C-alpha cells in the first residue's frame, strides 16, 4: 500500500506513469496467501 500512495510519484516500485511493479515471479496475491501463515513443518530449525 505504501508504494501506491498518491504522494509517491516515482520509486523503485512505481514508474513515471504511476504503474506499480515488483520483482516477483509470482502474482502478489499468491505470495500473500503463501506467507500469511507459514507452516513450521516446512522449515528446518537449528
N, C-alpha and C. Protein backbone atom coordinates (compact mmCIF):
# COMPACT_ATOMS: atom_id res chain seq x y z
N UNK A 1 0.82 -1.20 0.00
CA UNK A 1 0.00 0.00 0.00
C UNK A 1 0.86 1.26 0.00
N UNK A 2 2.03 1.21 0.63
CA UNK A 2 2.89 2.38 0.66
C UNK A 2 3.29 2.79 -0.75
N UNK A 3 3.59 1.81 -1.60
CA UNK A 3 4.03 2.11 -2.96
C UNK A 3 2.94 2.76 -3.79
N UNK A 4 1.68 2.51 -3.44
CA UNK A 4 0.58 3.06 -4.23
C UNK A 4 0.06 4.39 -3.70
N UNK A 5 0.63 4.89 -2.61
CA UNK A 5 0.17 6.16 -2.04
C UNK A 5 0.28 7.26 -3.08
N UNK A 6 -0.70 8.14 -3.12
CA UNK A 6 -0.77 9.19 -4.14
C UNK A 6 0.43 10.13 -4.10
N UNK A 7 1.05 10.30 -2.93
CA UNK A 7 2.17 11.24 -2.83
C UNK A 7 3.47 10.68 -3.44
N UNK A 8 3.54 9.37 -3.63
CA UNK A 8 4.71 8.76 -4.24
C UNK A 8 4.53 8.80 -5.75
N UNK A 9 5.32 9.61 -6.41
CA UNK A 9 5.19 9.76 -7.85
C UNK A 9 6.08 8.80 -8.62
N UNK A 10 7.25 8.50 -8.06
CA UNK A 10 8.20 7.61 -8.73
C UNK A 10 9.10 7.00 -7.67
N UNK A 11 9.31 5.69 -7.76
CA UNK A 11 10.18 5.00 -6.82
C UNK A 11 10.72 3.74 -7.51
N UNK A 12 11.41 2.92 -6.75
CA UNK A 12 11.90 1.65 -7.28
C UNK A 12 10.74 0.77 -7.77
N UNK A 13 9.57 0.90 -7.14
CA UNK A 13 8.43 0.05 -7.45
C UNK A 13 7.40 0.72 -8.35
N UNK A 14 7.42 2.04 -8.45
CA UNK A 14 6.41 2.77 -9.22
C UNK A 14 7.09 3.57 -10.31
N UNK A 15 6.65 3.35 -11.55
CA UNK A 15 7.28 4.07 -12.65
C UNK A 15 6.67 5.46 -12.83
N UNK A 16 7.18 6.21 -13.76
CA UNK A 16 6.72 7.57 -14.00
C UNK A 16 5.27 7.67 -14.44
N UNK A 17 4.69 6.57 -14.94
CA UNK A 17 3.27 6.55 -15.33
C UNK A 17 2.36 6.18 -14.18
N UNK A 18 2.93 5.94 -12.99
CA UNK A 18 2.13 5.58 -11.83
C UNK A 18 1.83 4.09 -11.74
N UNK A 19 2.44 3.28 -12.61
CA UNK A 19 2.21 1.84 -12.58
C UNK A 19 3.16 1.20 -11.57
N UNK A 20 2.64 0.23 -10.80
CA UNK A 20 3.44 -0.41 -9.76
C UNK A 20 3.91 -1.77 -10.24
N UNK A 21 5.21 -2.01 -10.05
CA UNK A 21 5.82 -3.28 -10.43
C UNK A 21 6.62 -3.83 -9.26
N UNK A 22 6.66 -5.12 -9.14
CA UNK A 22 7.51 -5.76 -8.14
C UNK A 22 8.39 -6.78 -8.85
N UNK A 23 9.49 -7.11 -8.23
CA UNK A 23 10.41 -8.10 -8.78
C UNK A 23 10.06 -9.46 -8.20
N UNK A 24 8.94 -10.02 -8.62
CA UNK A 24 8.46 -11.29 -8.09
C UNK A 24 8.01 -12.18 -9.24
N UNK A 25 8.39 -13.45 -9.20
CA UNK A 25 7.94 -14.35 -10.26
C UNK A 25 6.50 -14.83 -10.05
N UNK A 26 5.90 -14.50 -8.90
CA UNK A 26 4.54 -14.95 -8.60
C UNK A 26 3.60 -13.76 -8.49
N UNK A 27 2.32 -13.97 -8.78
CA UNK A 27 1.34 -12.90 -8.53
C UNK A 27 1.33 -12.58 -7.03
N UNK A 28 1.22 -11.31 -6.70
CA UNK A 28 1.33 -10.88 -5.31
C UNK A 28 0.26 -11.51 -4.41
N UNK A 29 -0.95 -11.75 -4.95
CA UNK A 29 -1.99 -12.35 -4.11
C UNK A 29 -1.63 -13.80 -3.74
N UNK A 30 -0.95 -14.53 -4.63
CA UNK A 30 -0.49 -15.88 -4.29
C UNK A 30 0.57 -15.82 -3.19
N UNK A 31 1.54 -14.94 -3.34
CA UNK A 31 2.61 -14.80 -2.36
C UNK A 31 2.04 -14.43 -0.99
N UNK A 32 1.06 -13.54 -0.99
CA UNK A 32 0.45 -13.13 0.27
C UNK A 32 -0.21 -14.32 0.97
N UNK A 33 -0.92 -15.14 0.23
CA UNK A 33 -1.56 -16.31 0.82
C UNK A 33 -0.52 -17.32 1.34
N UNK A 34 0.55 -17.51 0.59
CA UNK A 34 1.58 -18.47 0.99
C UNK A 34 2.30 -18.04 2.26
N UNK A 35 2.46 -16.74 2.45
CA UNK A 35 3.24 -16.25 3.59
C UNK A 35 2.38 -15.77 4.76
N UNK A 36 1.08 -15.81 4.61
CA UNK A 36 0.20 -15.33 5.68
C UNK A 36 0.36 -16.16 6.95
N UNK A 37 0.39 -17.47 6.81
CA UNK A 37 0.54 -18.37 7.94
C UNK A 37 1.55 -19.46 7.59
N UNK A 38 2.83 -19.18 7.80
CA UNK A 38 3.84 -20.19 7.46
C UNK A 38 3.66 -21.45 8.32
N UNK A 39 3.93 -22.58 7.73
CA UNK A 39 3.84 -23.85 8.44
C UNK A 39 5.23 -24.22 8.94
N UNK A 40 5.44 -24.24 10.26
CA UNK A 40 6.76 -24.56 10.81
C UNK A 40 7.31 -25.91 10.32
N UNK A 41 6.45 -26.82 9.92
CA UNK A 41 6.90 -28.12 9.44
C UNK A 41 7.62 -28.01 8.09
N UNK A 42 7.47 -26.88 7.42
CA UNK A 42 8.13 -26.68 6.14
C UNK A 42 9.58 -26.22 6.30
N UNK A 43 10.03 -26.02 7.54
CA UNK A 43 11.36 -25.46 7.79
C UNK A 43 12.18 -26.37 8.71
N UNK A 44 13.49 -26.23 8.60
CA UNK A 44 14.41 -26.93 9.48
C UNK A 44 15.01 -25.90 10.43
N UNK A 45 14.71 -26.03 11.70
CA UNK A 45 15.23 -25.10 12.71
C UNK A 45 16.46 -25.73 13.35
N UNK A 46 17.52 -24.94 13.47
CA UNK A 46 18.75 -25.46 14.06
C UNK A 46 19.14 -24.70 15.30
